[in-house]
């Protein structure tokens, strides 16, 4: 009984850590995509004005 509860806690900890990492990665991807999109639109606008 004691072992099963300990393994359950380990599983939940691993799950939370994985979720945190996934959220961090998603945030990083969003920021990278936003910067790329901003750069693209900025370059397109500059090309139009020149």
Protein backbone atom coordinates (compact mmCIF):
# COMPACT_ATOMS: atom_id res chain seq x y z
CA UNK A 1 0.00 0.00 0.00
CA UNK A 2 2.79 2.40 0.95
CA UNK A 3 4.71 1.66 -2.27
CA UNK A 4 1.68 2.22 -4.49
CA UNK A 5 0.97 5.62 -2.94
CA UNK A 6 4.62 6.65 -3.36
CA UNK A 7 4.63 5.62 -7.02
CA UNK A 8 1.36 7.53 -7.50
CA UNK A 9 2.96 10.69 -6.11
CA UNK A 10 5.97 10.19 -8.40
CA UNK A 11 3.68 9.82 -11.39
CA UNK A 12 1.79 13.02 -10.58
CA UNK A 13 5.06 14.90 -10.08
CA UNK A 14 6.37 13.67 -13.44
CA UNK A 15 3.06 14.60 -15.07
CA UNK A 16 3.13 18.13 -13.64
CA UNK A 17 6.74 18.60 -14.72
CA UNK A 18 5.92 17.41 -18.24
CA UNK A 19 2.95 19.77 -18.39
CA UNK A 20 5.15 22.67 -17.24
CA UNK A 21 7.78 21.88 -19.86
CA UNK A 22 5.10 21.61 -22.54
CA UNK A 23 3.63 24.99 -21.55
CA UNK A 24 7.09 26.59 -21.55
CA UNK A 25 7.84 25.14 -24.99
CA UNK A 26 4.47 26.34 -26.32
CA UNK A 27 5.16 29.83 -24.99
CA UNK A 28 8.60 29.81 -26.63
CA UNK A 29 7.13 28.63 -29.94
CA UNK A 30 4.46 31.34 -29.81
CA UNK A 31 7.05 34.03 -29.14
CA UNK A 32 9.28 32.77 -31.97
CA UNK A 33 6.31 32.64 -34.36
CA UNK A 34 5.25 36.15 -33.35
CA UNK A 35 8.74 37.54 -33.92
CA UNK A 36 8.99 35.76 -37.28
CA UNK A 37 5.58 37.05 -38.36
CA UNK A 38 6.41 40.59 -37.21
CA UNK A 39 9.70 40.48 -39.11
CA UNK A 40 7.97 39.20 -42.25
CA UNK A 41 5.27 41.87 -42.23
CA UNK A 42 7.87 44.56 -41.46
CA UNK A 43 10.07 43.44 -44.38
CA UNK A 44 7.07 43.26 -46.72
CA UNK A 45 5.98 46.76 -45.71
CA UNK A 46 9.49 48.14 -46.20
CA UNK A 47 9.75 46.47 -49.63
CA UNK A 48 6.44 48.08 -50.61
CA UNK A 49 7.47 51.58 -49.54
CA UNK A 50 10.87 51.43 -51.30
